[in-house]
Amino acid sequence: MEKIRYESVYILKPILTKEEINKMIERLSAVIDDKGKVIEIQNIGIKNLAYLIKGFAQGHYLIMDFEIDSDKYKDGISQIEQRIRTFEEVIKFIVIRKED
């Protein structure tokens, strides 16, 4: 079974505490772990945004590398994206397939 690699970038509300950020990392990892495996998480910290997103001029950036089995990837990615959209702490995100 082939593994497909992905990278996702999450922008969280800049007003979250360190504990809330850690809880979000756990929640996002759990969403991925339902369908695949988290390889690496980078906590970049707060950065200025190019434009306002949901009223925020800054955001807390997380970058996550993960993989999903090829037989689960179509439904898996859409289910992951649907679950992430329900997290009010996430103001913007993107999931990108990495090239081999």
PDB file of N, CA and C in Angstrom:
ATOM      1  N   MET A   1       0.844  -1.183   0.000  1.00  0.00           N
ATOM      2  CA  MET A   1       0.000   0.000   0.000  1.00  0.00           C
ATOM      3  C   MET A   1       0.888   1.244   0.000  1.00  0.00           C
ATOM      4  N   GLU A   2       0.632   2.122  -0.920  1.00  0.00           N
ATOM      5  CA  GLU A   2       1.424   3.342  -1.067  1.00  0.00           C
ATOM      6  C   GLU A   2       0.972   4.414  -0.080  1.00  0.00           C
ATOM      7  N   LYS A   3       1.934   5.145   0.425  1.00  0.00           N
ATOM      8  CA  LYS A   3       1.653   6.280   1.318  1.00  0.00           C
ATOM      9  C   LYS A   3       1.754   7.564   0.503  1.00  0.00           C
ATOM     10  N   ILE A   4       0.812   8.467   0.726  1.00  0.00           N
ATOM     11  CA  ILE A   4       0.825   9.762   0.046  1.00  0.00           C
ATOM     12  C   ILE A   4       1.130  10.827   1.095  1.00  0.00           C
ATOM     13  N   ARG A   5       2.124  11.678   0.810  1.00  0.00           N
ATOM     14  CA  ARG A   5       2.576  12.710   1.748  1.00  0.00           C
ATOM     15  C   ARG A   5       1.825  14.016   1.508  1.00  0.00           C
ATOM     16  N   TYR A   6       1.524  14.689   2.592  1.00  0.00           N
ATOM     17  CA  TYR A   6       0.846  15.981   2.557  1.00  0.00           C
ATOM     18  C   TYR A   6       1.524  16.945   3.515  1.00  0.00           C
ATOM     19  N   GLU A   7       1.315  18.218   3.250  1.00  0.00           N
ATOM     20  CA  GLU A   7       1.725  19.272   4.165  1.00  0.00           C
ATOM     21  C   GLU A   7       0.510  20.162   4.365  1.00  0.00           C
ATOM     22  N   SER A   8       0.255  20.533   5.590  1.00  0.00           N
ATOM     23  CA  SER A   8      -0.843  21.453   5.870  1.00  0.00           C
ATOM     24  C   SER A   8      -0.310  22.620   6.683  1.00  0.00           C
ATOM     25  N   VAL A   9      -0.851  23.781   6.393  1.00  0.00           N
ATOM     26  CA  VAL A   9      -0.503  25.001   7.125  1.00  0.00           C
ATOM     27  C   VAL A   9      -1.782  25.502   7.782  1.00  0.00           C
ATOM     28  N   TYR A  10      -1.697  25.749   9.069  1.00  0.00           N
ATOM     29  CA  TYR A  10      -2.837  26.249   9.833  1.00  0.00           C
ATOM     30  C   TYR A  10      -2.480  27.618  10.386  1.00  0.00           C
ATOM     31  N   ILE A  11      -3.431  28.538  10.284  1.00  0.00           N
ATOM     32  CA  ILE A  11      -3.289  29.836  10.933  1.00  0.00           C
ATOM     33  C   ILE A  11      -4.337  29.884  12.034  1.00  0.00           C
ATOM     34  N   LEU A  12      -3.868  29.985  13.260  1.00  0.00           N
ATOM     35  CA  LEU A  12      -4.755  30.023  14.418  1.00  0.00           C
ATOM     36  C   LEU A  12      -4.901  31.461  14.908  1.00  0.00           C
ATOM     37  N   LYS A  13      -5.953  31.698  15.654  1.00  0.00           N
ATOM     38  CA  LYS A  13      -6.155  33.019  16.248  1.00  0.00           C
ATOM     39  C   LYS A  13      -4.942  33.388  17.097  1.00  0.00           C
ATOM     40  N   PRO A  14      -4.459  34.618  16.966  1.00  0.00           N
ATOM     41  CA  PRO A  14      -3.256  35.020  17.721  1.00  0.00           C
ATOM     42  C   PRO A  14      -3.511  35.225  19.211  1.00  0.00           C
ATOM     43  N   ILE A  15      -4.759  35.221  19.623  1.00  0.00           N
ATOM     44  CA  ILE A  15      -5.093  35.471  21.031  1.00  0.00           C
ATOM     45  C   ILE A  15      -5.079  34.205  21.888  1.00  0.00           C
ATOM     46  N   LEU A  16      -4.774  33.053  21.275  1.00  0.00           N
ATOM     47  CA  LEU A  16      -4.761  31.798  22.018  1.00  0.00           C
ATOM     48  C   LEU A  16      -3.557  31.739  22.959  1.00  0.00           C
ATOM     49  N   THR A  17      -3.766  31.123  24.112  1.00  0.00           N
ATOM     50  CA  THR A  17      -2.681  30.940  25.071  1.00  0.00           C
ATOM     51  C   THR A  17      -1.808  29.758  24.633  1.00  0.00           C
ATOM     52  N   LYS A  18      -0.662  29.613  25.287  1.00  0.00           N
ATOM     53  CA  LYS A  18       0.234  28.482  24.989  1.00  0.00           C
ATOM     54  C   LYS A  18      -0.479  27.143  25.195  1.00  0.00           C
ATOM     55  N   GLU A  19      -1.269  27.061  26.268  1.00  0.00           N
ATOM     56  CA  GLU A  19      -2.016  25.834  26.551  1.00  0.00           C
ATOM     57  C   GLU A  19      -3.049  25.565  25.461  1.00  0.00           C
ATOM     58  N   GLU A  20      -3.738  26.602  25.004  1.00  0.00           N
ATOM     59  CA  GLU A  20      -4.733  26.441  23.936  1.00  0.00           C
ATOM     60  C   GLU A  20      -4.072  26.030  22.616  1.00  0.00           C
ATOM     61  N   ILE A  21      -2.883  26.569  22.351  1.00  0.00           N
ATOM     62  CA  ILE A  21      -2.135  26.179  21.147  1.00  0.00           C
ATOM     63  C   ILE A  21      -1.777  24.695  21.230  1.00  0.00           C
ATOM     64  N   ASN A  22      -1.282  24.259  22.386  1.00  0.00           N
ATOM     65  CA  ASN A  22      -0.927  22.850  22.556  1.00  0.00           C
ATOM     66  C   ASN A  22      -2.138  21.935  22.407  1.00  0.00           C
ATOM     67  N   LYS A  23      -3.291  22.366  22.929  1.00  0.00           N
ATOM     68  CA  LYS A  23      -4.520  21.580  22.766  1.00  0.00           C
ATOM     69  C   LYS A  23      -4.923  21.502  21.297  1.00  0.00           C
ATOM     70  N   MET A  24      -4.739  22.607  20.566  1.00  0.00           N
ATOM     71  CA  MET A  24      -5.077  22.602  19.133  1.00  0.00           C
ATOM     72  C   MET A  24      -4.137  21.675  18.369  1.00  0.00           C
ATOM     73  N   ILE A  25      -2.864  21.657  18.725  1.00  0.00           N
ATOM     74  CA  ILE A  25      -1.926  20.732  18.083  1.00  0.00           C
ATOM     75  C   ILE A  25      -2.386  19.294  18.319  1.00  0.00           C
ATOM     76  N   GLU A  26      -2.814  18.989  19.541  1.00  0.00           N
ATOM     77  CA  GLU A  26      -3.321  17.646  19.848  1.00  0.00           C
ATOM     78  C   GLU A  26      -4.583  17.338  19.045  1.00  0.00           C
ATOM     79  N   ARG A  27      -5.505  18.294  18.964  1.00  0.00           N
ATOM     80  CA  ARG A  27      -6.756  18.077  18.223  1.00  0.00           C
ATOM     81  C   ARG A  27      -6.492  17.890  16.730  1.00  0.00           C
ATOM     82  N   LEU A  28      -5.619  18.725  16.162  1.00  0.00           N
ATOM     83  CA  LEU A  28      -5.298  18.603  14.735  1.00  0.00           C
ATOM     84  C   LEU A  28      -4.589  17.284  14.459  1.00  0.00           C
ATOM     85  N   SER A  29      -3.694  16.881  15.353  1.00  0.00           N
ATOM     86  CA  SER A  29      -3.000  15.602  15.195  1.00  0.00           C
ATOM     87  C   SER A  29      -3.986  14.438  15.264  1.00  0.00           C
ATOM     88  N   ALA A  30      -4.959  14.539  16.155  1.00  0.00           N
ATOM     89  CA  ALA A  30      -5.963  13.477  16.288  1.00  0.00           C
ATOM     90  C   ALA A  30      -6.794  13.338  15.019  1.00  0.00           C
ATOM     91  N   VAL A  31      -7.110  14.460  14.383  1.00  0.00           N
ATOM     92  CA  VAL A  31      -7.867  14.423  13.127  1.00  0.00           C
ATOM     93  C   VAL A  31      -7.057  13.679  12.063  1.00  0.00           C
ATOM     94  N   ILE A  32      -5.781  13.982  11.980  1.00  0.00           N
ATOM     95  CA  ILE A  32      -4.909  13.317  11.004  1.00  0.00           C
ATOM     96  C   ILE A  32      -4.755  11.840  11.349  1.00  0.00           C
ATOM     97  N   ASP A  33      -4.545  11.542  12.623  1.00  0.00           N
ATOM     98  CA  ASP A  33      -4.316  10.160  13.052  1.00  0.00           C
ATOM     99  C   ASP A  33      -5.501   9.251  12.769  1.00  0.00           C
ATOM    100  N   ASP A  34      -6.702   9.824  12.619  1.00  0.00           N
ATOM    101  CA  ASP A  34      -7.869   9.019  12.242  1.00  0.00           C
ATOM    102  C   ASP A  34      -7.703   8.425  10.851  1.00  0.00           C
ATOM    103  N   LYS A  35      -6.995   9.127   9.968  1.00  0.00           N
ATOM    104  CA  LYS A  35      -6.880   8.716   8.561  1.00  0.00           C
ATOM    105  C   LYS A  35      -5.460   8.367   8.140  1.00  0.00           C
ATOM    106  N   GLY A  36      -4.466   8.815   8.904  1.00  0.00           N
ATOM    107  CA  GLY A  36      -3.076   8.606   8.496  1.00  0.00           C
ATOM    108  C   GLY A  36      -2.137   8.722   9.672  1.00  0.00           C
ATOM    109  N   LYS A  37      -0.972   9.313   9.415  1.00  0.00           N
ATOM    110  CA  LYS A  37       0.058   9.424  10.448  1.00  0.00           C
ATOM    111  C   LYS A  37       0.765  10.767  10.341  1.00  0.00           C
ATOM    112  N   VAL A  38       0.859  11.480  11.454  1.00  0.00           N
ATOM    113  CA  VAL A  38       1.585  12.743  11.513  1.00  0.00           C
ATOM    114  C   VAL A  38       3.078  12.426  11.542  1.00  0.00           C
ATOM    115  N   ILE A  39       3.840  13.108  10.688  1.00  0.00           N
ATOM    116  CA  ILE A  39       5.285  12.895  10.621  1.00  0.00           C
ATOM    117  C   ILE A  39       6.024  13.974  11.401  1.00  0.00           C
ATOM    118  N   GLU A  40       5.618  15.241  11.200  1.00  0.00           N
ATOM    119  CA  GLU A  40       6.306  16.351  11.871  1.00  0.00           C
ATOM    120  C   GLU A  40       5.342  17.522  12.031  1.00  0.00           C
ATOM    121  N   ILE A  41       5.491  18.235  13.152  1.00  0.00           N
ATOM    122  CA  ILE A  41       4.719  19.454  13.401  1.00  0.00           C
ATOM    123  C   ILE A  41       5.697  20.562  13.728  1.00  0.00           C
ATOM    124  N   GLN A  42       5.581  21.681  13.005  1.00  0.00           N
ATOM    125  CA  GLN A  42       6.411  22.849  13.291  1.00  0.00           C
ATOM    126  C   GLN A  42       5.519  23.956  13.836  1.00  0.00           C
ATOM    127  N   ASN A  43       5.842  24.436  15.017  1.00  0.00           N
ATOM    128  CA  ASN A  43       5.119  25.539  15.622  1.00  0.00           C
ATOM    129  C   ASN A  43       5.913  26.812  15.300  1.00  0.00           C
ATOM    130  N   ILE A  44       5.487  27.554  14.286  1.00  0.00           N
ATOM    131  CA  ILE A  44       6.228  28.721  13.793  1.00  0.00           C
ATOM    132  C   ILE A  44       6.034  29.940  14.692  1.00  0.00           C
ATOM    133  N   GLY A  45       4.868  30.057  15.291  1.00  0.00           N
ATOM    134  CA  GLY A  45       4.586  31.198  16.156  1.00  0.00           C
ATOM    135  C   GLY A  45       3.748  32.251  15.445  1.00  0.00           C
ATOM    136  N   ILE A  46       3.690  33.427  16.032  1.00  0.00           N
ATOM    137  CA  ILE A  46       2.834  34.502  15.517  1.00  0.00           C
ATOM    138  C   ILE A  46       3.568  35.275  14.428  1.00  0.00           C
ATOM    139  N   LYS A  47       2.873  35.474  13.320  1.00  0.00           N
ATOM    140  CA  LYS A  47       3.395  36.240  12.173  1.00  0.00           C
ATOM    141  C   LYS A  47       2.333  37.236  11.736  1.00  0.00           C
ATOM    142  N   ASN A  48       2.784  38.323  11.108  1.00  0.00           N
ATOM    143  CA  ASN A  48       1.853  39.281  10.531  1.00  0.00           C
ATOM    144  C   ASN A  48       1.229  38.688   9.272  1.00  0.00           C
ATOM    145  N   LEU A  49      -0.042  38.978   9.067  1.00  0.00           N
ATOM    146  CA  LEU A  49      -0.751  38.512   7.883  1.00  0.00           C
ATOM    147  C   LEU A  49      -0.707  39.587   6.806  1.00  0.00           C
ATOM    148  N   ALA A  50      -0.776  39.184   5.559  1.00  0.00           N
ATOM    149  CA  ALA A  50      -0.761  40.132   4.443  1.00  0.00           C
ATOM    150  C   ALA A  50      -2.056  40.937   4.382  1.00  0.00           C
ATOM    151  N   TYR A  51      -3.120  40.360   4.903  1.00  0.00           N
ATOM    152  CA  TYR A  51      -4.431  41.025   4.927  1.00  0.00           C
ATOM    153  C   TYR A  51      -5.209  40.488   6.126  1.00  0.00           C
ATOM    154  N   LEU A  52      -6.249  41.193   6.528  1.00  0.00           N
ATOM    155  CA  LEU A  52      -7.050  40.754   7.665  1.00  0.00           C
ATOM    156  C   LEU A  52      -7.761  39.447   7.338  1.00  0.00           C
ATOM    157  N   ILE A  53      -7.725  38.534   8.270  1.00  0.00           N
ATOM    158  CA  ILE A  53      -8.480  37.286   8.154  1.00  0.00           C
ATOM    159  C   ILE A  53      -9.355  37.187   9.394  1.00  0.00           C
ATOM    160  N   LYS A  54     -10.658  37.225   9.172  1.00  0.00           N
ATOM    161  CA  LYS A  54     -11.640  37.180  10.261  1.00  0.00           C
ATOM    162  C   LYS A  54     -11.341  38.234  11.324  1.00  0.00           C
ATOM    163  N   GLY A  55     -10.861  39.395  10.868  1.00  0.00           N
ATOM    164  CA  GLY A  55     -10.602  40.520  11.756  1.00  0.00           C
ATOM    165  C   GLY A  55      -9.235  40.516  12.421  1.00  0.00           C
ATOM    166  N   PHE A  56      -8.394  39.547  12.109  1.00  0.00           N
ATOM    167  CA  PHE A  56      -7.067  39.459  12.727  1.00  0.00           C
ATOM    168  C   PHE A  56      -5.988  39.896  11.743  1.00  0.00           C
ATOM    169  N   ALA A  57      -5.028  40.702  12.246  1.00  0.00           N
ATOM    170  CA  ALA A  57      -3.889  41.147  11.436  1.00  0.00           C
ATOM    171  C   ALA A  57      -2.686  40.237  11.629  1.00  0.00           C
ATOM    172  N   GLN A  58      -2.755  39.358  12.634  1.00  0.00           N
ATOM    173  CA  GLN A  58      -1.695  38.394  12.901  1.00  0.00           C
ATOM    174  C   GLN A  58      -2.323  37.019  13.074  1.00  0.00           C
ATOM    175  N   GLY A  59      -1.477  35.994  12.942  1.00  0.00           N
ATOM    176  CA  GLY A  59      -1.944  34.634  13.156  1.00  0.00           C
ATOM    177  C   GLY A  59      -0.820  33.772  13.686  1.00  0.00           C
ATOM    178  N   HIS A  60      -1.195  32.736  14.389  1.00  0.00           N
ATOM    179  CA  HIS A  60      -0.228  31.768  14.918  1.00  0.00           C
ATOM    180  C   HIS A  60      -0.132  30.621  13.919  1.00  0.00           C
ATOM    181  N   TYR A  61       1.054  30.424  13.345  1.00  0.00           N
ATOM    182  CA  TYR A  61       1.257  29.448  12.272  1.00  0.00           C
ATOM    183  C   TYR A  61       1.720  28.094  12.793  1.00  0.00           C
ATOM    184  N   LEU A  62       1.103  27.037  12.259  1.00  0.00           N
ATOM    185  CA  LEU A  62       1.534  25.661  12.471  1.00  0.00           C
ATOM    186  C   LEU A  62       1.693  25.011  11.105  1.00  0.00           C
ATOM    187  N   ILE A  63       2.743  24.224  10.930  1.00  0.00           N
ATOM    188  CA  ILE A  63       2.941  23.457   9.698  1.00  0.00           C
ATOM    189  C   ILE A  63       3.021  21.990  10.097  1.00  0.00           C
ATOM    190  N   MET A  64       2.224  21.161   9.410  1.00  0.00           N
ATOM    191  CA  MET A  64       2.166  19.749   9.745  1.00  0.00           C
ATOM    192  C   MET A  64       2.437  18.913   8.497  1.00  0.00           C
ATOM    193  N   ASP A  65       3.392  17.994   8.591  1.00  0.00           N
ATOM    194  CA  ASP A  65       3.638  17.005   7.548  1.00  0.00           C
ATOM    195  C   ASP A  65       2.972  15.712   7.985  1.00  0.00           C
ATOM    196  N   PHE A  66       2.262  15.070   7.053  1.00  0.00           N
ATOM    197  CA  PHE A  66       1.611  13.806   7.386  1.00  0.00           C
ATOM    198  C   PHE A  66       1.479  12.941   6.147  1.00  0.00           C
ATOM    199  N   GLU A  67       1.112  11.682   6.368  1.00  0.00           N
ATOM    200  CA  GLU A  67       0.903  10.760   5.263  1.00  0.00           C
ATOM    201  C   GLU A  67      -0.392   9.994   5.465  1.00  0.00           C
ATOM    202  N   ILE A  68      -0.977   9.585   4.330  1.00  0.00           N
ATOM    203  CA  ILE A  68      -2.219   8.822   4.327  1.00  0.00           C
ATOM    204  C   ILE A  68      -2.041   7.677   3.348  1.00  0.00           C
ATOM    205  N   ASP A  69      -2.606   6.518   3.679  1.00  0.00           N
ATOM    206  CA  ASP A  69      -2.577   5.390   2.744  1.00  0.00           C
ATOM    207  C   ASP A  69      -3.324   5.770   1.479  1.00  0.00           C
ATOM    208  N   SER A  70      -2.821   5.334   0.332  1.00  0.00           N
ATOM    209  CA  SER A  70      -3.401   5.720  -0.950  1.00  0.00           C
ATOM    210  C   SER A  70      -4.857   5.281  -1.086  1.00  0.00           C
ATOM    211  N   ASP A  71      -5.242   4.188  -0.445  1.00  0.00           N
ATOM    212  CA  ASP A  71      -6.630   3.742  -0.560  1.00  0.00           C
ATOM    213  C   ASP A  71      -7.599   4.591   0.261  1.00  0.00           C
ATOM    214  N   LYS A  72      -7.098   5.402   1.179  1.00  0.00           N
ATOM    215  CA  LYS A  72      -7.936   6.262   2.019  1.00  0.00           C
ATOM    216  C   LYS A  72      -7.869   7.730   1.633  1.00  0.00           C
ATOM    217  N   TYR A  73      -7.003   8.088   0.667  1.00  0.00           N
ATOM    218  CA  TYR A  73      -6.665   9.501   0.534  1.00  0.00           C
ATOM    219  C   TYR A  73      -7.801  10.386   0.036  1.00  0.00           C
ATOM    220  N   LYS A  74      -8.620   9.934  -0.912  1.00  0.00           N
ATOM    221  CA  LYS A  74      -9.676  10.820  -1.439  1.00  0.00           C
ATOM    222  C   LYS A  74     -10.685  11.185  -0.359  1.00  0.00           C
ATOM    223  N   ASP A  75     -11.261  10.182   0.288  1.00  0.00           N
ATOM    224  CA  ASP A  75     -12.221  10.460   1.349  1.00  0.00           C
ATOM    225  C   ASP A  75     -11.526  11.026   2.581  1.00  0.00           C
ATOM    226  N   GLY A  76     -10.308  10.558   2.837  1.00  0.00           N
ATOM    227  CA  GLY A  76      -9.582  10.992   4.022  1.00  0.00           C
ATOM    228  C   GLY A  76      -9.307  12.478   4.041  1.00  0.00           C
ATOM    229  N   ILE A  77      -8.827  13.020   2.942  1.00  0.00           N
ATOM    230  CA  ILE A  77      -8.503  14.454   2.897  1.00  0.00           C
ATOM    231  C   ILE A  77      -9.762  15.299   3.039  1.00  0.00           C
ATOM    232  N   SER A  78     -10.826  14.937   2.353  1.00  0.00           N
ATOM    233  CA  SER A  78     -12.052  15.738   2.458  1.00  0.00           C
ATOM    234  C   SER A  78     -12.627  15.668   3.871  1.00  0.00           C
ATOM    235  N   GLN A  79     -12.535  14.504   4.521  1.00  0.00           N
ATOM    236  CA  GLN A  79     -13.017  14.390   5.897  1.00  0.00           C
ATOM    237  C   GLN A  79     -12.145  15.194   6.859  1.00  0.00           C
ATOM    238  N   ILE A  80     -10.849  15.175   6.633  1.00  0.00           N
ATOM    239  CA  ILE A  80      -9.938  15.979   7.457  1.00  0.00           C
ATOM    240  C   ILE A  80     -10.288  17.462   7.314  1.00  0.00           C
ATOM    241  N   GLU A  81     -10.451  17.933   6.084  1.00  0.00           N
ATOM    242  CA  GLU A  81     -10.771  19.339   5.852  1.00  0.00           C
ATOM    243  C   GLU A  81     -12.112  19.717   6.479  1.00  0.00           C
ATOM    244  N   GLN A  82     -13.101  18.856   6.380  1.00  0.00           N
ATOM    245  CA  GLN A  82     -14.411  19.140   6.985  1.00  0.00           C
ATOM    246  C   GLN A  82     -14.301  19.283   8.494  1.00  0.00           C
ATOM    247  N   ARG A  83     -13.540  18.410   9.135  1.00  0.00           N
ATOM    248  CA  ARG A  83     -13.386  18.483  10.594  1.00  0.00           C
ATOM    249  C   ARG A  83     -12.647  19.751  11.002  1.00  0.00           C
ATOM    250  N   ILE A  84     -11.607  20.126  10.252  1.00  0.00           N
ATOM    251  CA  ILE A  84     -10.822  21.311  10.612  1.00  0.00           C
ATOM    252  C   ILE A  84     -11.670  22.573  10.480  1.00  0.00           C
ATOM    253  N   ARG A  85     -12.556  22.618   9.503  1.00  0.00           N
ATOM    254  CA  ARG A  85     -13.433  23.794   9.334  1.00  0.00           C
ATOM    255  C   ARG A  85     -14.308  24.050  10.556  1.00  0.00           C
ATOM    256  N   THR A  86     -14.538  23.035  11.379  1.00  0.00           N
ATOM    257  CA  THR A  86     -15.393  23.208  12.560  1.00  0.00           C
ATOM    258  C   THR A  86     -14.635  23.802  13.748  1.00  0.00           C
ATOM    259  N   PHE A  87     -13.307  23.871  13.675  1.00  0.00           N
ATOM    260  CA  PHE A  87     -12.515  24.410  14.782  1.00  0.00           C
ATOM    261  C   PHE A  87     -12.500  25.932  14.691  1.00  0.00           C
ATOM    262  N   GLU A  88     -13.127  26.596  15.637  1.00  0.00           N
ATOM    263  CA  GLU A  88     -13.201  28.060  15.594  1.00  0.00           C
ATOM    264  C   GLU A  88     -11.851  28.723  15.827  1.00  0.00           C
ATOM    265  N   GLU A  89     -10.895  27.996  16.406  1.00  0.00           N
ATOM    266  CA  GLU A  89      -9.562  28.554  16.645  1.00  0.00           C
ATOM    267  C   GLU A  89      -8.753  28.698  15.351  1.00  0.00           C
ATOM    268  N   VAL A  90      -9.114  27.932  14.323  1.00  0.00           N
ATOM    269  CA  VAL A  90      -8.414  27.970  13.033  1.00  0.00           C
ATOM    270  C   VAL A  90      -9.081  29.026  12.156  1.00  0.00           C
ATOM    271  N   ILE A  91      -8.304  30.062  11.775  1.00  0.00           N
ATOM    272  CA  ILE A  91      -8.896  31.112  10.944  1.00  0.00           C
ATOM    273  C   ILE A  91      -8.633  30.884   9.457  1.00  0.00           C
ATOM    274  N   LYS A  92      -7.630  30.066   9.134  1.00  0.00           N
ATOM    275  CA  LYS A  92      -7.329  29.741   7.732  1.00  0.00           C
ATOM    276  C   LYS A  92      -6.439  28.498   7.719  1.00  0.00           C
ATOM    277  N   PHE A  93      -6.604  27.664   6.687  1.00  0.00           N
ATOM    278  CA  PHE A  93      -5.722  26.505   6.545  1.00  0.00           C
ATOM    279  C   PHE A  93      -5.693  26.065   5.088  1.00  0.00           C
ATOM    280  N   ILE A  94      -4.674  25.285   4.771  1.00  0.00           N
ATOM    281  CA  ILE A  94      -4.550  24.700   3.438  1.00  0.00           C
ATOM    282  C   ILE A  94      -3.862  23.344   3.585  1.00  0.00           C
ATOM    283  N   VAL A  95      -4.285  22.386   2.763  1.00  0.00           N
ATOM    284  CA  VAL A  95      -3.656  21.070   2.710  1.00  0.00           C
ATOM    285  C   VAL A  95      -3.140  20.867   1.294  1.00  0.00           C
ATOM    286  N   ILE A  96      -1.858  20.524   1.190  1.00  0.00           N
ATOM    287  CA  ILE A  96      -1.188  20.394  -0.124  1.00  0.00           C
ATOM    288  C   ILE A  96      -0.539  19.030  -0.203  1.00  0.00           C
ATOM    289  N   ARG A  97      -0.714  18.378  -1.348  1.00  0.00           N
ATOM    290  CA  ARG A  97      -0.029  17.102  -1.578  1.00  0.00           C
ATOM    291  C   ARG A  97       1.416  17.378  -1.944  1.00  0.00           C
ATOM    292  N   LYS A  98       2.342  16.676  -1.271  1.00  0.00           N
ATOM    293  CA  LYS A  98       3.761  16.864  -1.541  1.00  0.00           C
ATOM    294  C   LYS A  98       4.181  15.944  -2.679  1.00  0.00           C
ATOM    295  N   GLU A  99       5.076  16.420  -3.494  1.00  0.00           N
ATOM    296  CA  GLU A  99       5.613  15.601  -4.586  1.00  0.00           C
ATOM    297  C   GLU A  99       6.617  14.604  -4.037  1.00  0.00           C
ATOM    298  N   ASP A 100       6.683  13.456  -4.659  1.00  0.00           N
ATOM    299  CA  ASP A 100       7.615  12.399  -4.211  1.00  0.00           C
ATOM    300  C   ASP A 100       9.045  12.778  -4.465  1.00  0.00           C
TER     301      ASP A 100
END
